Amino acid sequence: MIGKGEAKALVNSIRLDGLPLKDEDASGWQHVASCISYSLRRQQITARWRNFAAEVGAPVTENHAATIDAAQRMIAAADAAIILARHKAQAR
């Protein structure tokens, strides 16, 4: 746990467009909150993908574009398999 002085120093180190934020800059702090929320969500999604990828043998890489492409291909393949299975079931 960090102390009050350390917390204040961390808050004071936050910059928006290179400038320190003022306490009364509500829209600036809202933007900072959005950035933090985005970062946390990205970490959560990355962790979920890594767990899922390990279960199904999908690639895990630090190249996020390649990971997204691989996920899209896997989803498309799963969708195609579902459609094929439905068509086969209807043909019976």
C-alpha atoms as a PDB file:
ATOM      1  CA  MET A   1       0.000   0.000   0.000  1.00  0.00           C
ATOM      2  CA  ILE A   2       1.212   3.489  -0.751  1.00  0.00           C
ATOM      3  CA  GLY A   3       1.119   6.462   1.560  1.00  0.00           C
ATOM      4  CA  LYS A   4      -0.764   9.721   1.110  1.00  0.00           C
ATOM      5  CA  GLY A   5       2.335  11.577  -0.090  1.00  0.00           C
ATOM      6  CA  GLU A   6       3.172   8.891  -2.637  1.00  0.00           C
ATOM      7  CA  ALA A   7      -0.427   8.855  -3.895  1.00  0.00           C
ATOM      8  CA  LYS A   8      -0.422  12.640  -4.273  1.00  0.00           C
ATOM      9  CA  ALA A   9       2.879  12.474  -6.177  1.00  0.00           C
ATOM     10  CA  LEU A  10       1.424   9.842  -8.519  1.00  0.00           C
ATOM     11  CA  VAL A  11      -1.693  11.918  -9.165  1.00  0.00           C
ATOM     12  CA  ASN A  12       0.421  15.029  -9.736  1.00  0.00           C
ATOM     13  CA  SER A  13       2.530  13.129 -12.283  1.00  0.00           C
ATOM     14  CA  ILE A  14      -0.488  12.545 -14.563  1.00  0.00           C
ATOM     15  CA  ARG A  15      -0.264  14.591 -17.746  1.00  0.00           C
ATOM     16  CA  LEU A  16      -2.801  15.334 -20.447  1.00  0.00           C
ATOM     17  CA  ASP A  17      -1.347  16.625 -23.684  1.00  0.00           C
ATOM     18  CA  GLY A  18       1.926  17.076 -21.804  1.00  0.00           C
ATOM     19  CA  LEU A  19       0.459  19.372 -19.155  1.00  0.00           C
ATOM     20  CA  PRO A  20      -0.442  18.616 -15.528  1.00  0.00           C
ATOM     21  CA  LEU A  21      -4.158  18.364 -14.815  1.00  0.00           C
ATOM     22  CA  LYS A  22      -5.814  20.827 -12.500  1.00  0.00           C
ATOM     23  CA  ASP A  23      -8.157  19.582  -9.805  1.00  0.00           C
ATOM     24  CA  GLU A  24     -11.087  21.466 -11.340  1.00  0.00           C
ATOM     25  CA  ASP A  25     -10.554  20.086 -14.887  1.00  0.00           C
ATOM     26  CA  ALA A  26     -13.490  17.660 -14.840  1.00  0.00           C
ATOM     27  CA  SER A  27     -13.330  16.791 -18.541  1.00  0.00           C
ATOM     28  CA  GLY A  28      -9.587  16.148 -18.294  1.00  0.00           C
ATOM     29  CA  TRP A  29     -10.036  13.816 -15.336  1.00  0.00           C
ATOM     30  CA  GLN A  30     -12.905  12.109 -17.141  1.00  0.00           C
ATOM     31  CA  HIS A  31     -10.542  11.486 -20.055  1.00  0.00           C
ATOM     32  CA  VAL A  32      -7.921  10.071 -17.669  1.00  0.00           C
ATOM     33  CA  ALA A  33     -10.576   7.792 -16.141  1.00  0.00           C
ATOM     34  CA  SER A  34     -11.561   6.607 -19.627  1.00  0.00           C
ATOM     35  CA  CYS A  35      -7.931   5.838 -20.468  1.00  0.00           C
ATOM     36  CA  ILE A  36      -7.499   3.860 -17.250  1.00  0.00           C
ATOM     37  CA  SER A  37     -10.756   1.992 -17.879  1.00  0.00           C
ATOM     38  CA  TYR A  38      -9.640   1.166 -21.435  1.00  0.00           C
ATOM     39  CA  SER A  39      -6.285  -0.085 -20.191  1.00  0.00           C
ATOM     40  CA  LEU A  40      -7.895  -2.304 -17.546  1.00  0.00           C
ATOM     41  CA  ARG A  41     -10.412  -3.691 -20.056  1.00  0.00           C
ATOM     42  CA  ARG A  42      -7.617  -4.442 -22.504  1.00  0.00           C
ATOM     43  CA  GLN A  43      -5.724  -6.336 -19.800  1.00  0.00           C
ATOM     44  CA  GLN A  44      -8.860  -8.318 -18.955  1.00  0.00           C
ATOM     45  CA  ILE A  45      -9.498  -9.191 -22.603  1.00  0.00           C
ATOM     46  CA  THR A  46      -5.862 -10.196 -23.094  1.00  0.00           C
ATOM     47  CA  ALA A  47      -6.008 -12.490 -20.058  1.00  0.00           C
ATOM     48  CA  ARG A  48      -9.275 -14.047 -21.247  1.00  0.00           C
ATOM     49  CA  TRP A  49      -7.859 -14.580 -24.742  1.00  0.00           C
ATOM     50  CA  ARG A  50      -4.722 -16.239 -23.374  1.00  0.00           C
ATOM     51  CA  ASN A  51      -6.802 -18.618 -21.255  1.00  0.00           C
ATOM     52  CA  PHE A  52      -9.097 -19.407 -24.184  1.00  0.00           C
ATOM     53  CA  ALA A  53      -6.181 -19.789 -26.588  1.00  0.00           C
ATOM     54  CA  ALA A  54      -4.497 -22.257 -24.257  1.00  0.00           C
ATOM     55  CA  GLU A  55      -7.707 -24.320 -24.113  1.00  0.00           C
ATOM     56  CA  VAL A  56      -8.193 -24.498 -27.882  1.00  0.00           C
ATOM     57  CA  GLY A  57      -4.575 -24.388 -29.040  1.00  0.00           C
ATOM     58  CA  ALA A  58      -4.836 -20.947 -30.623  1.00  0.00           C
ATOM     59  CA  PRO A  59      -1.757 -18.767 -31.042  1.00  0.00           C
ATOM     60  CA  VAL A  60      -0.727 -16.353 -28.335  1.00  0.00           C
ATOM     61  CA  THR A  61       1.543 -13.533 -29.406  1.00  0.00           C
ATOM     62  CA  GLU A  62       2.505 -10.033 -28.369  1.00  0.00           C
ATOM     63  CA  ASN A  63       1.625  -8.917 -31.904  1.00  0.00           C
ATOM     64  CA  HIS A  64      -1.917  -7.799 -31.166  1.00  0.00           C
ATOM     65  CA  ALA A  65      -2.893  -7.367 -34.821  1.00  0.00           C
ATOM     66  CA  ALA A  66      -1.858 -10.967 -35.549  1.00  0.00           C
ATOM     67  CA  THR A  67      -3.746 -12.183 -32.490  1.00  0.00           C
ATOM     68  CA  ILE A  68      -6.895 -10.356 -33.593  1.00  0.00           C
ATOM     69  CA  ASP A  69      -6.547 -11.782 -37.108  1.00  0.00           C
ATOM     70  CA  ALA A  70      -6.142 -15.291 -35.674  1.00  0.00           C
ATOM     71  CA  ALA A  71      -9.194 -14.819 -33.450  1.00  0.00           C
ATOM     72  CA  GLN A  72     -11.247 -13.610 -36.427  1.00  0.00           C
ATOM     73  CA  ARG A  73     -10.191 -16.647 -38.479  1.00  0.00           C
ATOM     74  CA  MET A  74     -11.081 -18.997 -35.611  1.00  0.00           C
ATOM     75  CA  ILE A  75     -14.490 -17.369 -35.181  1.00  0.00           C
ATOM     76  CA  ALA A  76     -15.142 -17.553 -38.934  1.00  0.00           C
ATOM     77  CA  ALA A  77     -14.149 -21.233 -38.962  1.00  0.00           C
ATOM     78  CA  ALA A  78     -16.427 -21.941 -35.992  1.00  0.00           C
ATOM     79  CA  ASP A  79     -19.293 -20.076 -37.684  1.00  0.00           C
ATOM     80  CA  ALA A  80     -18.750 -22.075 -40.884  1.00  0.00           C
ATOM     81  CA  ALA A  81     -18.727 -25.348 -38.920  1.00  0.00           C
ATOM     82  CA  ILE A  82     -21.996 -24.419 -37.206  1.00  0.00           C
ATOM     83  CA  ILE A  83     -23.649 -23.516 -40.533  1.00  0.00           C
ATOM     84  CA  LEU A  84     -22.428 -26.759 -42.112  1.00  0.00           C
ATOM     85  CA  ALA A  85     -23.710 -28.793 -39.171  1.00  0.00           C
ATOM     86  CA  ARG A  86     -27.121 -27.097 -39.416  1.00  0.00           C
ATOM     87  CA  HIS A  87     -27.344 -27.767 -43.148  1.00  0.00           C
ATOM     88  CA  LYS A  88     -26.443 -31.430 -42.612  1.00  0.00           C
ATOM     89  CA  ALA A  89     -29.041 -31.717 -39.841  1.00  0.00           C
ATOM     90  CA  GLN A  90     -31.715 -30.156 -42.071  1.00  0.00           C
ATOM     91  CA  ALA A  91     -30.821 -32.437 -44.979  1.00  0.00           C
ATOM     92  CA  ARG A  92     -31.674 -35.537 -42.928  1.00  0.00           C
END
